[in-house]
Amino acid sequence: MSRRRTANDILTGLDAERRLALLHGDDEPVNERWEADPTPLTPRRLVPPFPVDALPPWVADMVLAVAEFTQTPLDLPGCLALAALSTAAGGRAEVEVRPGWREPCNLYTVVAMPPGSRKSAVFAAMTAPLLEAEQQLVDQARPRIVEAELARKVAVKEAERRTIDAVNMRDSAARAEALAAAADAALDAEKPVLALPRLIADDVTTEAAASLLAEQGGRLAVLSAEGGIFSTLAGRYSGGVPSLEVFLKGHAGDLLRVDRKGRPAEHVASPALTLGLALQPEVLTDIARMPGFRGRGLLARILYSVPENTVGRRQIGAPAVPAPVDRTYSSRLSRLVLLLAEQQEPLRLRLHRDADRHILDLERHLEPRLAPHAELAHITDWASKLNGAIARLAGLLFLAEVLPTGWGAPVPVRHVEAATRLGHYFLGHALAVFDQMGADPTLDDARVVLSWVARTGRRAFTRRDAFTGLSRARFRKVADLDPALQLLHDHGFLRLGASSVPTGGRPASPVWEVHPRAAQAAEAAEGRR
């Protein structure tokens, strides 16, 4: 005859004492110690160094000298140098990789560095020649603009005079002739007067950017040591409605039409926008959450850089930029701007056959890495544009090194190889940035769960507890939590408690036990991000 089970037997079978201790936050039982600390969800990536030797010598010398003087990583002046070359060539040159595939020579670059990193000083040094060239273009254009404005005023008066003459004429034939002359004069009066040349904008709205692109023949650069432009794109001035069209088409070179109430429509056949920003790392996390930025492809168009922080280890009294290096950089960049500004139609740069074979090899190597579950699957949107970015970089390096007598020759393979090194640099940094942004949905979900655990001080919870405490917008069904919970389990943040003894009823929901150092690990991860 079997012994009758007591209440203590039942509680012992359910492991009630340990479960209650965990749920009430009591110390962990000695015999249930965790074997090891949790493994970080995203180990800190070792990002590649900036390949300054890939740049033309006159650019590389300036990058090295500015980095030394400001005690900043090479990445910052290096990426700004590329943005400066893009400002010079944007809308004035394109690379024909092969028939049917052309890439305009403009880039979007973003460097993420913490406060106090001397971003403004580097910006000033690397972009000063652009401002000088812009002023030269203004000085050259001003007499023509004044002349055109006077001609327009004369045409207005002429149209008015001829209209009055036509009204006073009695002969119908003469009146018709006078009206035709008045119409011609009116058409002359309506011819638009060219705007003063403008290369660079800073804190600009999307409407203003569209207008400037139309005024400037489709070319404009937004260069800033801040990331405020992203707030503008997210809808700061449009009631929270994202306005990305100008920046999406400005990178691709697609037809841009902007209709305005009470104003003529603005039409840009091939816009070429350049973006060169240096911002704080937190902004990258913020823009990943902005509606449409990832889904519509804006984040996939950006070449990212997340250099090592040198603050606290900088040399005091570093040598200034040598005058010959500064003069050479300034004169050559200004000359590049002025020469390309004369191009009525974009230069079409063709690849040498060896360079084309190199691009084909890159395509063959990249394609398998984009497959589902392959290493780049979670950033397919960005990585699928990598070879196009390499072609753009090759075009800029070619223009900068052989200006201007060699522009008619095919782009040699050495420039494509140099651009490839830059492309691999940006790929390594993009992987780090998208880790930070939470590009992997499961990884991002796991971070959210871990943050909830740390915030609520949980020592144990059921799946239903987590579902109740977390956002329905992220987890629509209880089962949606499973991949995140499994990932946290795999990394040692969670483990399943002992199974309950069957009681004949509905199985109890499994209890996830939380590692005692999960909260500290979560806080440390946030700090690294």
Protein backbone atom coordinates (compact mmCIF):
# COMPACT_ATOMS: atom_id res chain seq x y z
CA MET A 1 0.00 0.00 0.00
CA SER A 2 1.50 3.38 -1.11
CA ARG A 3 2.22 6.04 1.47
CA ARG A 4 -0.13 9.03 1.35
CA ARG A 5 1.66 12.19 0.09
CA THR A 6 1.86 15.03 2.57
CA ALA A 7 1.75 18.77 1.78
CA ASN A 8 5.51 18.93 2.37
CA ASP A 9 6.06 16.16 -0.17
CA ILE A 10 4.07 18.08 -2.78
CA LEU A 11 5.93 21.34 -2.09
CA THR A 12 9.25 19.55 -2.27
CA GLY A 13 8.31 18.00 -5.60
CA LEU A 14 7.40 21.40 -6.98
CA ASP A 15 10.76 22.83 -5.82
CA ALA A 16 8.63 25.49 -4.10
CA GLU A 17 11.26 26.71 -1.66
CA ARG A 18 13.77 27.59 -4.34
CA ARG A 19 11.15 29.12 -6.62
CA LEU A 20 9.78 31.34 -3.88
CA ALA A 21 13.28 32.44 -2.97
CA LEU A 22 13.96 33.44 -6.57
CA LEU A 23 10.65 35.23 -7.07
CA HIS A 24 11.11 37.18 -3.83
CA GLY A 25 14.68 38.17 -4.74
CA ASP A 26 16.34 36.18 -1.91
CA ASP A 27 19.95 35.08 -2.21
CA GLU A 28 20.68 32.31 -4.64
CA PRO A 29 20.82 28.85 -3.02
CA VAL A 30 24.39 27.57 -2.66
CA ASN A 31 23.75 24.40 -4.67
CA GLU A 32 22.30 26.37 -7.60
CA ARG A 33 25.28 28.55 -8.43
CA TRP A 34 25.65 29.71 -12.03
CA GLU A 35 28.67 28.29 -13.79
CA ALA A 36 29.88 31.52 -15.45
CA ASP A 37 29.10 35.16 -16.11
CA PRO A 38 26.83 36.01 -19.05
CA THR A 39 28.40 36.41 -22.48
CA PRO A 40 27.72 39.85 -24.03
CA LEU A 41 25.03 39.80 -26.69
CA THR A 42 27.24 41.74 -29.08
CA PRO A 43 30.95 41.49 -28.39
CA ARG A 44 32.68 44.75 -29.19
CA ARG A 45 33.77 44.53 -32.83
CA LEU A 46 37.33 45.33 -33.79
CA VAL A 47 36.76 47.87 -36.54
CA PRO A 48 39.43 48.28 -39.22
CA PRO A 49 41.72 51.34 -39.24
CA PHE A 50 41.20 54.03 -41.86
CA PRO A 51 43.32 53.17 -44.95
CA VAL A 52 44.84 56.60 -45.46
CA ASP A 53 47.23 55.19 -48.09
CA ALA A 54 44.22 54.61 -50.36
CA LEU A 55 43.84 58.38 -50.79
CA PRO A 56 45.76 60.47 -53.36
CA PRO A 57 49.02 61.70 -51.82
CA TRP A 58 47.98 65.37 -51.56
CA VAL A 59 44.81 64.32 -49.69
CA ALA A 60 46.56 61.72 -47.52
CA ASP A 61 49.21 64.24 -46.44
CA MET A 62 46.51 66.64 -45.25
CA VAL A 63 44.58 63.90 -43.44
CA LEU A 64 47.72 62.79 -41.59
CA ALA A 65 48.71 66.36 -40.69
CA VAL A 66 45.24 67.36 -39.46
CA ALA A 67 44.89 64.16 -37.43
CA GLU A 68 48.29 64.85 -35.83
CA PHE A 69 47.55 68.51 -35.09
CA THR A 70 44.06 67.93 -33.66
CA GLN A 71 45.00 64.60 -32.05
CA THR A 72 41.97 62.93 -33.60
CA PRO A 73 41.72 59.50 -35.26
CA LEU A 74 42.54 59.40 -38.97
CA ASP A 75 38.95 58.35 -39.60
CA LEU A 76 37.53 61.83 -39.00
CA PRO A 77 39.66 63.89 -41.42
CA GLY A 78 39.77 60.91 -43.79
CA CYS A 79 35.99 60.65 -44.12
CA LEU A 80 35.65 64.43 -44.33
CA ALA A 81 38.23 64.47 -47.13
CA LEU A 82 36.04 62.01 -49.05
CA ALA A 83 33.01 64.23 -48.39
CA ALA A 84 35.00 67.22 -49.67
CA LEU A 85 35.89 65.36 -52.90
CA SER A 86 32.22 64.41 -53.23
CA THR A 87 31.25 68.07 -52.83
CA ALA A 88 33.60 68.97 -55.69
CA ALA A 89 32.47 66.17 -58.03
CA GLY A 90 28.82 65.69 -57.07
CA GLY A 91 26.60 66.29 -60.09
CA ARG A 92 29.65 66.82 -62.33
CA ALA A 93 30.92 63.26 -62.81
CA GLU A 94 29.64 59.70 -62.87
CA VAL A 95 31.25 56.28 -63.19
CA GLU A 96 29.97 53.90 -65.87
CA VAL A 97 30.82 50.52 -64.41
CA ARG A 98 29.41 48.86 -67.50
CA PRO A 99 26.58 49.73 -69.93
CA GLY A 100 23.39 50.18 -67.94
CA TRP A 101 25.16 50.67 -64.58
CA ARG A 102 26.25 54.17 -63.71
CA GLU A 103 27.10 55.55 -60.30
CA PRO A 104 27.13 59.30 -59.60
CA CYS A 105 30.23 60.50 -57.74
CA ASN A 106 28.56 61.67 -54.54
CA LEU A 107 28.69 60.09 -51.08
CA TYR A 108 26.90 60.14 -47.74
CA THR A 109 29.43 59.81 -44.89
CA VAL A 110 28.78 59.86 -41.13
CA VAL A 111 31.45 59.75 -38.43
CA ALA A 112 30.32 59.02 -34.85
CA MET A 113 32.53 60.47 -32.10
CA PRO A 114 31.84 61.50 -28.48
CA PRO A 115 31.66 65.12 -27.28
CA GLY A 116 34.96 66.95 -26.93
CA SER A 117 36.55 65.14 -29.90
CA ARG A 118 37.47 68.36 -31.76
CA LYS A 119 35.09 67.61 -34.62
CA SER A 120 34.60 71.30 -35.42
CA ALA A 121 38.34 71.97 -35.73
CA VAL A 122 38.74 69.09 -38.18
CA PHE A 123 35.69 70.24 -40.14
CA ALA A 124 37.14 73.71 -40.48
CA ALA A 125 40.48 72.42 -41.73
CA MET A 126 39.09 69.93 -44.26
CA THR A 127 36.30 72.09 -45.70
CA ALA A 128 37.93 75.56 -45.78
CA PRO A 129 39.01 75.17 -49.46
CA LEU A 130 35.41 74.43 -50.42
CA LEU A 131 34.27 77.74 -48.94
CA GLU A 132 37.10 79.54 -50.74
CA ALA A 133 36.13 77.91 -54.04
CA GLU A 134 32.49 78.79 -53.43
CA GLN A 135 33.47 82.45 -53.00
CA GLN A 136 35.47 82.36 -56.23
CA LEU A 137 32.44 80.94 -58.05
CA VAL A 138 30.30 83.72 -56.58
CA ASP A 139 32.78 86.40 -57.68
CA GLN A 140 32.88 84.94 -61.18
CA ALA A 141 29.09 84.68 -61.47
CA ARG A 142 28.10 88.00 -59.92
CA PRO A 143 28.70 90.20 -63.03
CA ARG A 144 26.69 87.78 -65.21
CA ILE A 145 23.87 87.69 -62.66
CA VAL A 146 23.76 91.51 -62.43
CA GLU A 147 23.70 91.74 -66.22
CA ALA A 148 20.89 89.17 -66.45
CA GLU A 149 18.89 90.99 -63.79
CA LEU A 150 19.18 94.28 -65.68
CA ALA A 151 18.19 92.54 -68.91
CA ARG A 152 15.13 91.13 -67.18
CA LYS A 153 14.08 94.57 -65.93
CA VAL A 154 14.52 96.03 -69.43
CA ALA A 155 12.43 93.19 -70.87
CA VAL A 156 9.65 93.89 -68.35
CA LYS A 157 9.54 97.56 -69.36
CA GLU A 158 9.68 96.64 -73.05
CA ALA A 159 6.77 94.22 -72.63
CA GLU A 160 4.72 96.91 -70.87
CA ARG A 161 5.49 99.50 -73.59
CA ARG A 162 4.62 97.19 -76.45
CA THR A 163 1.40 96.12 -74.72
CA ILE A 164 0.33 99.76 -74.41
CA ASP A 165 1.23 100.35 -78.06
CA ALA A 166 -0.85 97.38 -79.12
CA VAL A 167 -3.86 98.59 -77.15
CA ASN A 168 -3.70 102.04 -78.81
CA MET A 169 -3.43 100.71 -82.37
CA ARG A 170 -6.57 100.72 -84.49
CA ASP A 171 -5.26 98.70 -87.39
CA SER A 172 -5.88 95.02 -86.57
CA ALA A 173 -2.81 93.76 -88.44
CA ALA A 174 -0.51 96.24 -86.73
CA ARG A 175 -2.12 95.44 -83.38
CA ALA A 176 -1.51 91.73 -83.84
CA GLU A 177 2.13 92.39 -84.72
CA ALA A 178 2.56 94.61 -81.64
CA LEU A 179 0.93 92.01 -79.39
CA ALA A 180 3.29 89.34 -80.71
CA ALA A 181 6.26 91.61 -79.97
CA ALA A 182 4.86 92.26 -76.48
CA ALA A 183 4.51 88.51 -75.89
CA ASP A 184 8.14 87.92 -76.91
CA ALA A 185 9.30 90.65 -74.54
CA ALA A 186 7.19 89.14 -71.73
CA LEU A 187 8.80 85.74 -72.29
CA ASP A 188 12.23 87.36 -72.08
CA ALA A 189 11.16 89.00 -68.82
CA GLU A 190 10.17 85.64 -67.34
CA LYS A 191 13.53 83.97 -67.96
CA PRO A 192 14.91 82.93 -64.55
CA VAL A 193 17.99 84.74 -63.30
CA LEU A 194 20.73 82.40 -62.16
CA ALA A 195 21.19 82.17 -58.40
CA LEU A 196 24.55 82.84 -56.76
CA PRO A 197 26.60 79.62 -56.64
CA ARG A 198 26.28 77.62 -53.45
CA LEU A 199 28.22 74.48 -52.59
CA ILE A 200 27.49 73.89 -48.90
CA ALA A 201 24.49 74.01 -46.58
CA ASP A 202 24.45 73.18 -42.87
CA ASP A 203 21.20 73.19 -40.88
CA VAL A 204 18.81 73.00 -43.82
CA THR A 205 15.19 71.86 -44.09
CA THR A 206 14.24 69.34 -46.73
CA GLU A 207 12.22 72.01 -48.58
CA ALA A 208 15.21 74.33 -48.59
CA ALA A 209 17.48 71.49 -49.74
CA ALA A 210 15.14 70.78 -52.67
CA SER A 211 15.06 74.46 -53.62
CA LEU A 212 18.84 74.76 -53.40
CA LEU A 213 19.29 71.66 -55.53
CA ALA A 214 17.00 73.16 -58.17
CA GLU A 215 18.83 76.52 -58.04
CA GLN A 216 22.30 74.97 -58.18
CA GLY A 217 21.74 72.67 -61.12
CA GLY A 218 21.27 69.58 -58.96
CA ARG A 219 24.38 69.77 -56.74
CA LEU A 220 24.59 70.54 -53.02
CA ALA A 221 26.52 69.35 -49.96
CA VAL A 222 25.16 69.21 -46.42
CA LEU A 223 28.24 69.31 -44.18
CA SER A 224 27.90 69.63 -40.43
CA ALA A 225 29.62 68.78 -37.17
CA GLU A 226 26.20 67.92 -35.71
CA GLY A 227 23.44 65.44 -36.54
CA GLY A 228 20.49 67.84 -36.47
CA ILE A 229 19.65 67.11 -40.10
CA PHE A 230 18.28 63.73 -39.03
CA SER A 231 15.76 65.36 -36.70
CA THR A 232 14.71 67.54 -39.62
CA LEU A 233 14.28 64.50 -41.86
CA ALA A 234 12.26 62.79 -39.13
CA GLY A 235 9.71 65.62 -39.24
CA ARG A 236 10.88 68.36 -36.85
CA TYR A 237 9.32 71.00 -39.14
CA SER A 238 6.56 68.87 -40.66
CA GLY A 239 4.48 67.81 -37.68
CA GLY A 240 6.39 64.60 -37.11
CA VAL A 241 5.90 63.34 -40.67
CA PRO A 242 9.21 62.02 -42.08
CA SER A 243 10.44 63.82 -45.19
CA LEU A 244 13.11 61.65 -46.81
CA GLU A 245 12.42 62.02 -50.53
CA VAL A 246 15.07 64.65 -51.25
CA PHE A 247 17.82 62.70 -49.48
CA LEU A 248 16.82 59.36 -51.00
CA LYS A 249 16.76 60.69 -54.56
CA GLY A 250 19.72 62.98 -53.96
CA HIS A 251 21.91 59.93 -53.41
CA ALA A 252 20.54 57.80 -56.25
CA GLY A 253 20.29 60.64 -58.78
CA ASP A 254 16.62 59.91 -59.50
CA LEU A 255 14.27 62.56 -60.90
CA LEU A 256 13.10 64.90 -58.15
CA ARG A 257 9.89 66.92 -58.49
CA VAL A 258 8.73 69.10 -55.63
CA ASP A 259 5.29 70.75 -55.81
CA ARG A 260 4.73 73.83 -53.66
CA LYS A 261 1.47 75.61 -52.91
CA GLY A 262 1.50 79.06 -54.49
CA ARG A 263 4.92 78.49 -56.07
CA PRO A 264 6.11 76.90 -59.31
CA ALA A 265 7.02 73.23 -59.11
CA GLU A 266 10.74 72.51 -58.74
CA HIS A 267 12.26 69.94 -61.04
CA VAL A 268 15.74 68.41 -60.73
CA ALA A 269 16.58 65.84 -63.39
CA SER A 270 19.65 64.28 -61.72
CA PRO A 271 20.12 65.52 -58.16
CA ALA A 272 23.51 64.87 -56.57
CA LEU A 273 23.51 65.51 -52.84
CA THR A 274 26.55 65.07 -50.61
CA LEU A 275 26.25 64.36 -46.89
CA GLY A 276 29.20 64.74 -44.55
CA LEU A 277 28.38 64.62 -40.84
CA ALA A 278 30.25 64.16 -37.58
CA LEU A 279 27.88 63.39 -34.75
CA GLN A 280 27.67 61.79 -31.33
CA PRO A 281 27.30 57.99 -31.18
CA GLU A 282 23.91 58.20 -29.45
CA VAL A 283 22.46 59.80 -32.59
CA LEU A 284 23.04 56.56 -34.50
CA THR A 285 20.85 54.70 -32.02
CA ASP A 286 18.23 57.43 -32.27
CA ILE A 287 18.00 57.44 -36.06
CA ALA A 288 17.54 53.66 -36.12
CA ARG A 289 14.24 54.22 -34.30
CA MET A 290 13.06 57.05 -36.59
CA PRO A 291 10.16 55.93 -38.79
CA GLY A 292 11.12 55.09 -42.35
CA PHE A 293 14.87 55.60 -42.00
CA ARG A 294 15.66 51.89 -42.28
CA GLY A 295 12.62 50.71 -44.22
CA ARG A 296 12.92 53.29 -46.99
CA GLY A 297 16.64 52.83 -47.40
CA LEU A 298 18.18 56.02 -46.03
CA LEU A 299 20.43 54.18 -43.55
CA ALA A 300 21.58 51.86 -46.34
CA ARG A 301 22.98 54.82 -48.31
CA ILE A 302 25.37 56.02 -45.59
CA LEU A 303 29.06 55.13 -45.22
CA TYR A 304 29.62 54.92 -41.46
CA SER A 305 32.72 55.37 -39.33
CA VAL A 306 32.99 54.72 -35.58
CA PRO A 307 36.62 55.52 -34.70
CA GLU A 308 38.35 54.78 -31.45
CA ASN A 309 37.92 57.50 -28.84
CA THR A 310 41.25 59.27 -28.23
CA VAL A 311 40.01 61.73 -25.60
CA GLY A 312 42.21 61.45 -22.50
CA ARG A 313 45.20 60.11 -24.44
CA ARG A 314 45.95 63.09 -26.69
CA GLN A 315 49.36 64.68 -27.04
CA ILE A 316 49.54 68.25 -25.78
CA GLY A 317 51.19 70.80 -28.08
CA ALA A 318 51.04 68.69 -31.24
CA PRO A 319 52.68 70.29 -34.31
CA ALA A 320 50.54 72.44 -36.60
CA VAL A 321 49.69 71.42 -40.14
CA PRO A 322 52.77 72.22 -42.27
CA ALA A 323 52.12 75.21 -44.53
CA PRO A 324 53.13 73.39 -47.77
CA VAL A 325 50.73 70.55 -47.00
CA ASP A 326 47.89 73.00 -46.29
CA ARG A 327 48.61 75.06 -49.43
CA THR A 328 48.74 72.01 -51.67
CA TYR A 329 45.49 70.60 -50.30
CA SER A 330 43.70 73.95 -50.53
CA SER A 331 44.86 74.76 -54.05
CA ARG A 332 44.16 71.31 -55.49
CA LEU A 333 40.73 70.93 -53.88
CA SER A 334 39.71 74.46 -54.94
CA ARG A 335 40.95 73.77 -58.46
CA LEU A 336 38.98 70.53 -58.60
CA VAL A 337 35.81 72.40 -57.61
CA LEU A 338 36.34 75.17 -60.17
CA LEU A 339 37.25 72.85 -63.05
CA LEU A 340 34.29 70.55 -62.50
CA ALA A 341 31.92 73.51 -62.05
CA GLU A 342 32.52 74.31 -65.74
CA GLN A 343 31.08 70.94 -66.80
CA GLN A 344 27.69 71.47 -68.41
CA GLU A 345 27.17 67.71 -68.72
CA PRO A 346 28.58 65.24 -66.18
CA LEU A 347 31.90 63.66 -67.03
CA ARG A 348 31.36 59.98 -67.78
CA LEU A 349 34.23 57.98 -66.33
CA ARG A 350 34.67 54.51 -67.81
CA LEU A 351 36.55 51.67 -66.19
CA HIS A 352 39.61 50.03 -67.68
CA ARG A 353 38.89 46.38 -68.51
CA ASP A 354 41.09 45.25 -65.60
CA ALA A 355 39.14 47.53 -63.27
CA ASP A 356 35.88 46.09 -64.58
CA ARG A 357 37.14 42.55 -63.91
CA HIS A 358 38.01 43.62 -60.38
CA ILE A 359 34.45 44.87 -59.83
CA LEU A 360 33.09 41.57 -61.20
CA ASP A 361 35.26 39.66 -58.73
CA LEU A 362 33.88 41.82 -55.91
CA GLU A 363 30.34 41.04 -57.01
CA ARG A 364 31.03 37.30 -57.08
CA HIS A 365 32.57 37.43 -53.62
CA LEU A 366 29.82 39.55 -52.07
CA GLU A 367 26.72 37.82 -53.41
CA PRO A 368 26.89 34.60 -51.29
CA ARG A 369 27.43 36.70 -48.16
CA LEU A 370 24.01 38.32 -48.69
CA ALA A 371 22.09 35.02 -48.62
CA PRO A 372 19.63 34.31 -45.77
CA HIS A 373 21.54 33.29 -42.63
CA ALA A 374 24.87 34.34 -44.20
CA GLU A 375 27.16 36.80 -42.39
CA LEU A 376 25.71 39.93 -44.04
CA ALA A 377 22.08 38.85 -44.15
CA HIS A 378 21.06 41.26 -41.39
CA ILE A 379 22.47 44.26 -43.32
CA THR A 380 21.59 43.18 -46.85
CA ASP A 381 20.09 46.61 -47.53
CA TRP A 382 23.44 48.29 -46.81
CA ALA A 383 25.79 45.60 -48.13
CA SER A 384 23.96 45.30 -51.46
CA LYS A 385 25.07 48.88 -52.20
CA LEU A 386 28.71 48.26 -51.29
CA ASN A 387 30.01 47.65 -54.82
CA GLY A 388 28.24 50.76 -56.05
CA ALA A 389 29.90 52.73 -53.25
CA ILE A 390 33.29 51.30 -54.26
CA ALA A 391 32.69 52.46 -57.85
CA ARG A 392 31.85 55.97 -56.59
CA LEU A 393 34.95 56.04 -54.41
CA ALA A 394 37.11 54.90 -57.35
CA GLY A 395 35.73 57.73 -59.47
CA LEU A 396 36.54 60.32 -56.79
CA LEU A 397 40.08 58.98 -56.26
CA PHE A 398 40.66 59.04 -60.02
CA LEU A 399 39.39 62.60 -60.43
CA ALA A 400 41.48 63.82 -57.49
CA GLU A 401 44.72 62.20 -58.59
CA VAL A 402 44.81 62.87 -62.33
CA LEU A 403 43.11 66.26 -62.58
CA PRO A 404 42.44 67.47 -65.15
CA THR A 405 44.45 66.15 -68.11
CA GLY A 406 43.82 62.46 -67.44
CA TRP A 407 40.07 62.57 -67.00
CA GLY A 408 39.44 61.24 -70.49
CA ALA A 409 41.37 58.02 -69.83
CA PRO A 410 39.71 54.90 -68.37
CA VAL A 411 39.78 54.56 -64.58
CA PRO A 412 42.71 52.20 -63.90
CA VAL A 413 42.48 49.15 -61.68
CA ARG A 414 44.71 50.71 -58.98
CA HIS A 415 42.01 53.24 -58.16
CA VAL A 416 39.39 50.50 -57.92
CA GLU A 417 41.73 48.51 -55.65
CA ALA A 418 42.23 51.58 -53.43
CA ALA A 419 38.48 52.16 -53.36
CA THR A 420 38.01 48.50 -52.40
CA ARG A 421 40.20 49.00 -49.34
CA LEU A 422 38.02 51.94 -48.37
CA GLY A 423 34.92 49.84 -49.04
CA HIS A 424 36.13 47.08 -46.72
CA TYR A 425 36.85 49.72 -44.09
CA PHE A 426 33.31 51.04 -44.33
CA LEU A 427 31.88 47.50 -44.26
CA GLY A 428 33.64 46.75 -40.98
CA HIS A 429 32.33 49.96 -39.45
CA ALA A 430 28.82 49.41 -40.84
CA LEU A 431 28.68 46.04 -39.07
CA ALA A 432 29.59 47.75 -35.78
CA VAL A 433 27.04 50.52 -36.35
CA PHE A 434 24.20 48.16 -37.21
CA ASP A 435 25.06 46.10 -34.12
CA GLN A 436 24.60 49.29 -32.15
CA MET A 437 21.40 50.12 -33.99
CA GLY A 438 19.97 46.65 -33.43
CA ALA A 439 19.89 45.60 -37.07
CA ASP A 440 19.29 41.94 -36.10
CA PRO A 441 15.62 41.81 -34.97
CA THR A 442 16.20 38.90 -32.55
CA LEU A 443 19.18 40.66 -31.02
CA ASP A 444 17.21 43.88 -30.66
CA ASP A 445 14.31 41.96 -29.03
CA ALA A 446 16.75 40.29 -26.61
CA ARG A 447 18.10 43.69 -25.60
CA VAL A 448 14.56 44.89 -24.89
CA VAL A 449 13.82 41.86 -22.70
CA LEU A 450 17.14 42.22 -20.87
CA SER A 451 16.45 45.91 -20.27
CA TRP A 452 13.03 45.03 -18.80
CA VAL A 453 14.61 42.41 -16.53
CA ALA A 454 17.21 44.91 -15.29
CA ARG A 455 14.66 47.69 -14.85
CA THR A 456 12.22 45.57 -12.85
CA GLY A 457 14.86 43.73 -10.80
CA ARG A 458 13.49 40.31 -11.74
CA ARG A 459 15.22 37.20 -10.45
CA ALA A 460 12.76 34.90 -12.20
CA PHE A 461 9.77 35.27 -14.51
CA THR A 462 7.48 33.35 -16.80
CA ARG A 463 7.00 34.02 -20.45
CA ARG A 464 3.55 35.39 -19.61
CA ASP A 465 5.12 37.82 -17.11
CA ALA A 466 7.41 39.18 -19.82
CA PHE A 467 4.61 39.42 -22.36
CA THR A 468 2.49 41.38 -19.87
CA GLY A 469 5.30 43.78 -19.02
CA LEU A 470 6.58 44.48 -22.53
CA SER A 471 5.19 46.47 -25.45
CA ARG A 472 2.49 44.87 -27.63
CA ALA A 473 3.84 46.88 -30.55
CA ARG A 474 7.03 44.80 -30.40
CA PHE A 475 5.69 41.43 -29.17
CA ARG A 476 2.24 40.84 -30.65
CA LYS A 477 1.98 37.23 -29.44
CA VAL A 478 3.49 35.41 -26.48
CA ALA A 479 5.34 33.13 -28.90
CA ASP A 480 7.12 36.16 -30.37
CA LEU A 481 9.23 36.20 -27.21
CA ASP A 482 10.73 32.75 -27.77
CA PRO A 483 13.67 33.69 -30.08
CA ALA A 484 14.76 36.48 -27.72
CA LEU A 485 14.48 34.27 -24.63
CA GLN A 486 16.45 31.52 -26.34
CA LEU A 487 19.20 33.99 -27.31
CA LEU A 488 19.41 35.24 -23.72
CA HIS A 489 19.59 31.61 -22.59
CA ASP A 490 22.38 30.87 -25.08
CA HIS A 491 24.37 33.82 -23.72
CA GLY A 492 23.89 32.77 -20.10
CA PHE A 493 21.56 35.58 -19.00
CA LEU A 494 18.67 33.16 -18.39
CA ARG A 495 18.14 29.50 -17.64
CA LEU A 496 15.04 27.39 -17.29
CA GLY A 497 14.07 26.44 -13.76
CA ALA A 498 13.51 22.82 -12.73
CA SER A 499 10.44 21.25 -14.30
CA SER A 500 7.38 20.98 -12.15
CA VAL A 501 6.08 17.58 -11.03
CA PRO A 502 3.00 16.73 -13.13
CA THR A 503 -0.21 17.23 -11.17
CA GLY A 504 -2.62 15.99 -13.80
CA GLY A 505 -3.81 19.47 -14.74
CA ARG A 506 -2.57 22.04 -17.26
CA PRO A 507 1.26 22.23 -17.33
CA ALA A 508 2.66 25.20 -15.46
CA SER A 509 4.36 27.90 -17.49
CA PRO A 510 8.14 27.38 -17.34
CA VAL A 511 10.03 29.79 -15.14
CA TRP A 512 13.10 31.60 -16.52
CA GLU A 513 15.72 32.22 -13.85
CA VAL A 514 17.83 35.37 -14.22
CA HIS A 515 21.58 35.42 -13.74
CA PRO A 516 22.43 37.49 -10.63
CA ARG A 517 24.76 39.69 -12.71
CA ALA A 518 22.38 40.14 -15.64
CA ALA A 519 21.49 43.70 -14.63
CA GLN A 520 25.15 44.74 -14.39
CA ALA A 521 25.88 43.11 -17.75
CA ALA A 522 22.93 44.94 -19.33
CA GLU A 523 24.11 48.28 -17.93
CA ALA A 524 27.65 47.64 -19.15
CA ALA A 525 26.32 46.84 -22.62
CA GLU A 526 24.35 50.08 -22.69
CA GLY A 527 27.47 51.92 -21.64
CA ARG A 528 29.46 50.43 -24.53
CA ARG A 529 26.74 51.45 -26.94
